């Protein structure tokens, strides 16, 4: 059992926020991680979407 936590840190206008990444199998067949949430900086709210796609993880098409 692994205790690793996958997260991404976004820095926007000097403010930083961590987002927890969840494993994801994309509809295309690729694998990776995703996260989403909201972040306030400079008196404004932003919606954050993060996609992390493993290059080469999509299965090769059979000819």
C-alpha atoms as a PDB file:
ATOM      1  CA  UNK A   1       0.000   0.000   0.000  1.00  0.00           C
ATOM      2  CA  UNK A   2       1.400   3.374  -1.054  1.00  0.00           C
ATOM      3  CA  UNK A   3       1.158   6.532   1.037  1.00  0.00           C
ATOM      4  CA  UNK A   4       2.114   8.784  -1.877  1.00  0.00           C
ATOM      5  CA  UNK A   5      -0.222  11.691  -2.550  1.00  0.00           C
ATOM      6  CA  UNK A   6      -0.225  13.031  -6.093  1.00  0.00           C
ATOM      7  CA  UNK A   7      -0.698  16.782  -6.235  1.00  0.00           C
ATOM      8  CA  UNK A   8      -0.046  19.754  -8.463  1.00  0.00           C
ATOM      9  CA  UNK A   9       0.744  23.262  -7.256  1.00  0.00           C
ATOM     10  CA  UNK A  10      -0.617  26.195  -9.238  1.00  0.00           C
ATOM     11  CA  UNK A  11       0.944  29.630  -8.810  1.00  0.00           C
ATOM     12  CA  UNK A  12      -1.164  32.514 -10.098  1.00  0.00           C
ATOM     13  CA  UNK A  13      -0.398  36.184  -9.429  1.00  0.00           C
ATOM     14  CA  UNK A  14       2.029  35.126  -6.696  1.00  0.00           C
ATOM     15  CA  UNK A  15      -0.538  33.012  -4.810  1.00  0.00           C
ATOM     16  CA  UNK A  16      -0.024  29.239  -4.616  1.00  0.00           C
ATOM     17  CA  UNK A  17      -2.575  26.477  -4.137  1.00  0.00           C
ATOM     18  CA  UNK A  18      -2.238  22.691  -4.114  1.00  0.00           C
ATOM     19  CA  UNK A  19      -4.699  20.465  -5.986  1.00  0.00           C
ATOM     20  CA  UNK A  20      -5.069  16.742  -5.303  1.00  0.00           C
ATOM     21  CA  UNK A  21      -4.619  14.707  -8.510  1.00  0.00           C
ATOM     22  CA  UNK A  22      -6.836  11.672  -9.143  1.00  0.00           C
ATOM     23  CA  UNK A  23      -5.887   8.841 -11.512  1.00  0.00           C
ATOM     24  CA  UNK A  24      -7.888   8.943 -14.737  1.00  0.00           C
ATOM     25  CA  UNK A  25      -8.373   6.693 -17.758  1.00  0.00           C
ATOM     26  CA  UNK A  26      -9.322   9.067 -20.569  1.00  0.00           C
ATOM     27  CA  UNK A  27     -11.926   8.174 -23.225  1.00  0.00           C
ATOM     28  CA  UNK A  28      -9.144   8.192 -25.832  1.00  0.00           C
ATOM     29  CA  UNK A  29      -7.459   5.283 -24.035  1.00  0.00           C
ATOM     30  CA  UNK A  30      -4.681   7.429 -22.570  1.00  0.00           C
ATOM     31  CA  UNK A  31      -3.900   7.312 -18.849  1.00  0.00           C
ATOM     32  CA  UNK A  32      -3.023  10.093 -16.485  1.00  0.00           C
ATOM     33  CA  UNK A  33      -4.385  12.318 -13.732  1.00  0.00           C
ATOM     34  CA  UNK A  34      -6.844  15.159 -13.352  1.00  0.00           C
ATOM     35  CA  UNK A  35      -7.873  17.757 -10.784  1.00  0.00           C
ATOM     36  CA  UNK A  36     -10.265  20.653 -10.601  1.00  0.00           C
ATOM     37  CA  UNK A  37     -11.194  23.303  -8.103  1.00  0.00           C
ATOM     38  CA  UNK A  38     -11.448  27.013  -7.441  1.00  0.00           C
ATOM     39  CA  UNK A  39      -8.753  29.464  -6.469  1.00  0.00           C
ATOM     40  CA  UNK A  40      -8.981  33.076  -5.333  1.00  0.00           C
ATOM     41  CA  UNK A  41      -6.204  35.510  -6.161  1.00  0.00           C
ATOM     42  CA  UNK A  42      -6.132  39.249  -6.626  1.00  0.00           C
ATOM     43  CA  UNK A  43      -9.697  39.503  -5.346  1.00  0.00           C
ATOM     44  CA  UNK A  44     -10.993  37.309  -8.176  1.00  0.00           C
ATOM     45  CA  UNK A  45     -12.162  33.679  -8.254  1.00  0.00           C
ATOM     46  CA  UNK A  46     -10.769  31.294 -10.875  1.00  0.00           C
ATOM     47  CA  UNK A  47     -11.825  27.808 -11.850  1.00  0.00           C
ATOM     48  CA  UNK A  48      -8.792  25.532 -12.220  1.00  0.00           C
ATOM     49  CA  UNK A  49      -8.741  22.395 -14.397  1.00  0.00           C
ATOM     50  CA  UNK A  50      -5.585  20.284 -14.554  1.00  0.00           C
ATOM     51  CA  UNK A  51      -4.964  17.405 -16.980  1.00  0.00           C
ATOM     52  CA  UNK A  52      -1.810  15.322 -16.764  1.00  0.00           C
ATOM     53  CA  UNK A  53      -1.600  12.835 -19.645  1.00  0.00           C
ATOM     54  CA  UNK A  54       1.062  10.129 -19.828  1.00  0.00           C
ATOM     55  CA  UNK A  55       2.704  10.447 -23.247  1.00  0.00           C
ATOM     56  CA  UNK A  56       2.549   7.158 -25.142  1.00  0.00           C
ATOM     57  CA  UNK A  57      -0.084   5.611 -22.867  1.00  0.00           C
ATOM     58  CA  UNK A  58      -2.750   5.451 -25.564  1.00  0.00           C
ATOM     59  CA  UNK A  59      -2.976   1.915 -27.010  1.00  0.00           C
ATOM     60  CA  UNK A  60      -1.706   1.561 -30.569  1.00  0.00           C
ATOM     61  CA  UNK A  61      -4.389   1.121 -33.217  1.00  0.00           C
ATOM     62  CA  UNK A  62      -4.427  -2.299 -34.881  1.00  0.00           C
ATOM     63  CA  UNK A  63      -4.240  -2.183 -38.666  1.00  0.00           C
END
